[in-house]
């Protein structure tokens, strides 16, 4: 059996696969920028350095994806700086920016319903990620729309005390 390595040349010769790979690398680039903005770390800098050639290549090949994803992260960061507590709205806003490149990748198969699905899935992932990061964000003093002003003990107690808040 052959091992797969993301640093090797792609083995699939498909326009869609090439675009998805580039989009994934661009998304990773902006996640790393976001992490570095929130709380710089050696880990983030190391990953950025290791992936720098792949990131540069993806951005060169698909600058519009880079712009759209970067703009989406920028809008999300602005909402965070404003102290927005509406995680669903933030996830949807973020998702709109990520849906455009995915719609392009889908090509002739794209539709408003598919772009809406991408947007909703992004919002759901954003909310799950923020819930998962509650303890780390509290300890690091970084933004999280779910962190209360006072009375936070830990994620388990917080989620258990208001589980219905996360279901709406």
C-alpha atoms as a PDB file:
ATOM      1  CA  UNK A   1       0.000   0.000   0.000  1.00  0.00           C
ATOM      2  CA  UNK A   2       1.168   3.512  -0.803  1.00  0.00           C
ATOM      3  CA  UNK A   3       1.176   6.328   1.752  1.00  0.00           C
ATOM      4  CA  UNK A   4      -0.350   9.681   0.851  1.00  0.00           C
ATOM      5  CA  UNK A   5       1.601  12.840   1.579  1.00  0.00           C
ATOM      6  CA  UNK A   6       0.170  16.347   1.198  1.00  0.00           C
ATOM      7  CA  UNK A   7       3.613  17.674   0.309  1.00  0.00           C
ATOM      8  CA  UNK A   8       3.918  15.485  -2.808  1.00  0.00           C
ATOM      9  CA  UNK A   9       2.633  16.508  -6.221  1.00  0.00           C
ATOM     10  CA  UNK A  10      -1.084  15.720  -6.624  1.00  0.00           C
ATOM     11  CA  UNK A  11      -1.896  12.323  -8.084  1.00  0.00           C
ATOM     12  CA  UNK A  12      -5.432  13.197  -9.179  1.00  0.00           C
ATOM     13  CA  UNK A  13      -5.532  15.089 -12.438  1.00  0.00           C
ATOM     14  CA  UNK A  14      -8.793  16.926 -12.030  1.00  0.00           C
ATOM     15  CA  UNK A  15      -9.597  20.630 -12.099  1.00  0.00           C
ATOM     16  CA  UNK A  16     -11.997  20.216  -9.186  1.00  0.00           C
ATOM     17  CA  UNK A  17      -9.430  18.378  -7.041  1.00  0.00           C
ATOM     18  CA  UNK A  18      -6.792  21.009  -7.821  1.00  0.00           C
ATOM     19  CA  UNK A  19      -9.167  23.814  -6.838  1.00  0.00           C
ATOM     20  CA  UNK A  20     -10.229  22.011  -3.645  1.00  0.00           C
ATOM     21  CA  UNK A  21      -6.617  21.411  -2.647  1.00  0.00           C
ATOM     22  CA  UNK A  22      -5.751  25.074  -3.258  1.00  0.00           C
ATOM     23  CA  UNK A  23      -8.867  26.230  -1.394  1.00  0.00           C
ATOM     24  CA  UNK A  24      -7.983  24.014   1.575  1.00  0.00           C
ATOM     25  CA  UNK A  25      -4.449  25.413   1.698  1.00  0.00           C
ATOM     26  CA  UNK A  26      -5.767  28.994   1.409  1.00  0.00           C
ATOM     27  CA  UNK A  27      -8.261  28.335   4.194  1.00  0.00           C
ATOM     28  CA  UNK A  28      -5.406  26.948   6.300  1.00  0.00           C
ATOM     29  CA  UNK A  29      -3.349  30.067   5.548  1.00  0.00           C
ATOM     30  CA  UNK A  30      -6.093  32.325   6.889  1.00  0.00           C
ATOM     31  CA  UNK A  31      -6.709  30.069   9.920  1.00  0.00           C
ATOM     32  CA  UNK A  32      -3.020  30.437  10.748  1.00  0.00           C
ATOM     33  CA  UNK A  33      -3.188  34.227  10.279  1.00  0.00           C
ATOM     34  CA  UNK A  34      -6.244  34.302  12.559  1.00  0.00           C
ATOM     35  CA  UNK A  35      -4.504  32.151  15.183  1.00  0.00           C
ATOM     36  CA  UNK A  36      -1.424  34.357  15.003  1.00  0.00           C
ATOM     37  CA  UNK A  37      -3.601  37.468  15.431  1.00  0.00           C
ATOM     38  CA  UNK A  38      -5.424  36.011  18.446  1.00  0.00           C
ATOM     39  CA  UNK A  39      -2.441  34.472  20.216  1.00  0.00           C
ATOM     40  CA  UNK A  40       0.910  34.191  18.434  1.00  0.00           C
ATOM     41  CA  UNK A  41       2.715  30.916  19.054  1.00  0.00           C
ATOM     42  CA  UNK A  42       5.736  28.984  17.888  1.00  0.00           C
ATOM     43  CA  UNK A  43       3.379  26.221  16.706  1.00  0.00           C
ATOM     44  CA  UNK A  44       1.506  28.587  14.363  1.00  0.00           C
ATOM     45  CA  UNK A  45       4.732  30.104  13.035  1.00  0.00           C
ATOM     46  CA  UNK A  46       6.207  26.635  12.436  1.00  0.00           C
ATOM     47  CA  UNK A  47       3.147  25.391  10.552  1.00  0.00           C
ATOM     48  CA  UNK A  48       3.103  28.592   8.461  1.00  0.00           C
ATOM     49  CA  UNK A  49       6.770  28.121   7.634  1.00  0.00           C
ATOM     50  CA  UNK A  50       6.361  24.459   6.685  1.00  0.00           C
ATOM     51  CA  UNK A  51       3.379  25.234   4.440  1.00  0.00           C
ATOM     52  CA  UNK A  52       4.729  28.492   2.977  1.00  0.00           C
ATOM     53  CA  UNK A  53       5.557  27.078  -0.472  1.00  0.00           C
ATOM     54  CA  UNK A  54       2.186  25.342  -0.765  1.00  0.00           C
ATOM     55  CA  UNK A  55       0.414  28.498   0.420  1.00  0.00           C
ATOM     56  CA  UNK A  56       2.296  30.697  -2.068  1.00  0.00           C
ATOM     57  CA  UNK A  57       1.474  28.323  -4.911  1.00  0.00           C
ATOM     58  CA  UNK A  58      -2.231  28.129  -3.996  1.00  0.00           C
ATOM     59  CA  UNK A  59      -2.496  31.916  -3.713  1.00  0.00           C
ATOM     60  CA  UNK A  60      -0.700  32.387  -7.054  1.00  0.00           C
ATOM     61  CA  UNK A  61      -3.043  29.919  -8.742  1.00  0.00           C
ATOM     62  CA  UNK A  62      -6.273  31.182  -7.157  1.00  0.00           C
ATOM     63  CA  UNK A  63      -5.836  34.786  -5.951  1.00  0.00           C
ATOM     64  CA  UNK A  64      -9.605  35.333  -5.985  1.00  0.00           C
ATOM     65  CA  UNK A  65     -10.117  32.496  -3.488  1.00  0.00           C
ATOM     66  CA  UNK A  66      -7.443  34.056  -1.300  1.00  0.00           C
ATOM     67  CA  UNK A  67      -9.177  37.441  -1.467  1.00  0.00           C
ATOM     68  CA  UNK A  68     -12.630  36.016  -0.715  1.00  0.00           C
ATOM     69  CA  UNK A  69     -11.432  33.861   2.200  1.00  0.00           C
ATOM     70  CA  UNK A  70      -9.273  36.698   3.553  1.00  0.00           C
ATOM     71  CA  UNK A  71     -12.235  39.088   3.367  1.00  0.00           C
ATOM     72  CA  UNK A  72     -14.422  36.558   5.214  1.00  0.00           C
ATOM     73  CA  UNK A  73     -11.840  36.239   7.991  1.00  0.00           C
ATOM     74  CA  UNK A  74     -11.579  40.035   8.073  1.00  0.00           C
ATOM     75  CA  UNK A  75     -15.334  40.464   8.543  1.00  0.00           C
ATOM     76  CA  UNK A  76     -15.335  37.790  11.249  1.00  0.00           C
ATOM     77  CA  UNK A  77     -12.421  39.467  13.035  1.00  0.00           C
ATOM     78  CA  UNK A  78     -14.219  42.848  12.889  1.00  0.00           C
ATOM     79  CA  UNK A  79     -17.285  41.274  14.531  1.00  0.00           C
ATOM     80  CA  UNK A  80     -15.038  39.800  17.228  1.00  0.00           C
ATOM     81  CA  UNK A  81     -13.416  43.193  17.861  1.00  0.00           C
ATOM     82  CA  UNK A  82     -16.902  44.698  18.185  1.00  0.00           C
ATOM     83  CA  UNK A  83     -17.645  42.081  20.866  1.00  0.00           C
ATOM     84  CA  UNK A  84     -20.491  40.493  18.912  1.00  0.00           C
ATOM     85  CA  UNK A  85     -22.199  37.719  20.893  1.00  0.00           C
ATOM     86  CA  UNK A  86     -24.389  36.378  18.055  1.00  0.00           C
ATOM     87  CA  UNK A  87     -22.352  33.309  17.113  1.00  0.00           C
ATOM     88  CA  UNK A  88     -24.865  32.090  14.527  1.00  0.00           C
ATOM     89  CA  UNK A  89     -24.894  35.414  12.694  1.00  0.00           C
ATOM     90  CA  UNK A  90     -21.095  35.464  12.821  1.00  0.00           C
ATOM     91  CA  UNK A  91     -20.893  31.934  11.426  1.00  0.00           C
ATOM     92  CA  UNK A  92     -23.329  32.786   8.635  1.00  0.00           C
ATOM     93  CA  UNK A  93     -21.426  35.943   7.730  1.00  0.00           C
ATOM     94  CA  UNK A  94     -18.198  33.957   7.691  1.00  0.00           C
ATOM     95  CA  UNK A  95     -19.857  31.180   5.691  1.00  0.00           C
ATOM     96  CA  UNK A  96     -21.011  33.564   2.961  1.00  0.00           C
ATOM     97  CA  UNK A  97     -17.410  34.433   2.226  1.00  0.00           C
ATOM     98  CA  UNK A  98     -16.333  30.807   2.152  1.00  0.00           C
ATOM     99  CA  UNK A  99     -19.281  29.720  -0.011  1.00  0.00           C
ATOM    100  CA  UNK A 100     -18.262  31.768  -3.057  1.00  0.00           C
ATOM    101  CA  UNK A 101     -15.054  29.817  -3.788  1.00  0.00           C
ATOM    102  CA  UNK A 102     -16.868  26.550  -3.086  1.00  0.00           C
ATOM    103  CA  UNK A 103     -19.551  27.566  -5.567  1.00  0.00           C
ATOM    104  CA  UNK A 104     -16.838  28.217  -8.148  1.00  0.00           C
ATOM    105  CA  UNK A 105     -15.294  24.829  -7.434  1.00  0.00           C
ATOM    106  CA  UNK A 106     -18.699  23.147  -7.884  1.00  0.00           C
ATOM    107  CA  UNK A 107     -18.872  24.793 -11.325  1.00  0.00           C
ATOM    108  CA  UNK A 108     -21.972  23.847 -13.285  1.00  0.00           C
ATOM    109  CA  UNK A 109     -23.290  21.974 -10.255  1.00  0.00           C
ATOM    110  CA  UNK A 110     -23.519  25.086  -8.088  1.00  0.00           C
ATOM    111  CA  UNK A 111     -26.857  26.551  -7.106  1.00  0.00           C
ATOM    112  CA  UNK A 112     -28.225  28.960  -4.510  1.00  0.00           C
ATOM    113  CA  UNK A 113     -29.309  25.931  -2.452  1.00  0.00           C
ATOM    114  CA  UNK A 114     -25.782  24.479  -2.528  1.00  0.00           C
ATOM    115  CA  UNK A 115     -24.211  27.824  -1.580  1.00  0.00           C
ATOM    116  CA  UNK A 116     -26.749  28.117   1.257  1.00  0.00           C
ATOM    117  CA  UNK A 117     -25.753  24.622   2.406  1.00  0.00           C
ATOM    118  CA  UNK A 118     -22.064  25.645   2.413  1.00  0.00           C
ATOM    119  CA  UNK A 119     -22.968  28.767   4.413  1.00  0.00           C
ATOM    120  CA  UNK A 120     -25.050  26.861   6.966  1.00  0.00           C
ATOM    121  CA  UNK A 121     -22.397  24.171   7.375  1.00  0.00           C
ATOM    122  CA  UNK A 122     -19.751  26.835   7.976  1.00  0.00           C
ATOM    123  CA  UNK A 123     -21.964  28.448  10.619  1.00  0.00           C
ATOM    124  CA  UNK A 124     -22.465  25.087  12.344  1.00  0.00           C
ATOM    125  CA  UNK A 125     -18.715  24.361  12.306  1.00  0.00           C
ATOM    126  CA  UNK A 126     -17.985  27.871  13.632  1.00  0.00           C
ATOM    127  CA  UNK A 127     -20.409  27.368  16.538  1.00  0.00           C
ATOM    128  CA  UNK A 128     -19.016  23.898  17.344  1.00  0.00           C
ATOM    129  CA  UNK A 129     -15.467  25.256  17.244  1.00  0.00           C
ATOM    130  CA  UNK A 130     -16.316  28.135  19.575  1.00  0.00           C
ATOM    131  CA  UNK A 131     -17.963  25.742  22.057  1.00  0.00           C
ATOM    132  CA  UNK A 132     -14.965  23.406  21.834  1.00  0.00           C
ATOM    133  CA  UNK A 133     -12.575  26.335  22.454  1.00  0.00           C
ATOM    134  CA  UNK A 134     -14.403  27.762  25.501  1.00  0.00           C
ATOM    135  CA  UNK A 135     -11.899  26.629  28.143  1.00  0.00           C
ATOM    136  CA  UNK A 136      -8.840  27.529  26.060  1.00  0.00           C
ATOM    137  CA  UNK A 137     -10.263  30.952  25.180  1.00  0.00           C
ATOM    138  CA  UNK A 138     -11.129  31.619  28.819  1.00  0.00           C
ATOM    139  CA  UNK A 139      -7.639  30.639  29.984  1.00  0.00           C
ATOM    140  CA  UNK A 140      -5.917  32.572  27.169  1.00  0.00           C
ATOM    141  CA  UNK A 141      -8.159  35.619  27.492  1.00  0.00           C
ATOM    142  CA  UNK A 142      -9.057  35.413  23.811  1.00  0.00           C
ATOM    143  CA  UNK A 143     -12.418  36.242  22.258  1.00  0.00           C
ATOM    144  CA  UNK A 144     -15.259  33.738  22.243  1.00  0.00           C
ATOM    145  CA  UNK A 145     -18.862  34.831  21.630  1.00  0.00           C
ATOM    146  CA  UNK A 146     -20.129  32.345  24.209  1.00  0.00           C
ATOM    147  CA  UNK A 147     -17.948  33.441  27.116  1.00  0.00           C
ATOM    148  CA  UNK A 148     -20.025  35.313  29.687  1.00  0.00           C
ATOM    149  CA  UNK A 149     -18.785  38.510  31.305  1.00  0.00           C
ATOM    150  CA  UNK A 150     -18.724  36.808  34.722  1.00  0.00           C
ATOM    151  CA  UNK A 151     -19.342  33.460  36.354  1.00  0.00           C
ATOM    152  CA  UNK A 152     -17.540  31.196  33.893  1.00  0.00           C
ATOM    153  CA  UNK A 153     -16.223  28.021  35.544  1.00  0.00           C
ATOM    154  CA  UNK A 154     -15.631  25.582  32.690  1.00  0.00           C
ATOM    155  CA  UNK A 155     -17.114  24.526  29.346  1.00  0.00           C
ATOM    156  CA  UNK A 156     -18.940  21.452  30.662  1.00  0.00           C
ATOM    157  CA  UNK A 157     -20.773  23.400  33.370  1.00  0.00           C
ATOM    158  CA  UNK A 158     -21.469  26.293  31.007  1.00  0.00           C
ATOM    159  CA  UNK A 159     -22.931  24.112  28.247  1.00  0.00           C
ATOM    160  CA  UNK A 160     -24.893  21.944  30.708  1.00  0.00           C
ATOM    161  CA  UNK A 161     -26.404  25.022  32.356  1.00  0.00           C
ATOM    162  CA  UNK A 162     -27.720  26.453  29.084  1.00  0.00           C
ATOM    163  CA  UNK A 163     -27.802  23.635  26.539  1.00  0.00           C
ATOM    164  CA  UNK A 164     -30.862  25.031  24.759  1.00  0.00           C
ATOM    165  CA  UNK A 165     -28.984  28.208  23.944  1.00  0.00           C
ATOM    166  CA  UNK A 166     -26.726  26.179  21.633  1.00  0.00           C
ATOM    167  CA  UNK A 167     -29.566  24.354  19.904  1.00  0.00           C
ATOM    168  CA  UNK A 168     -31.221  27.470  18.464  1.00  0.00           C
END
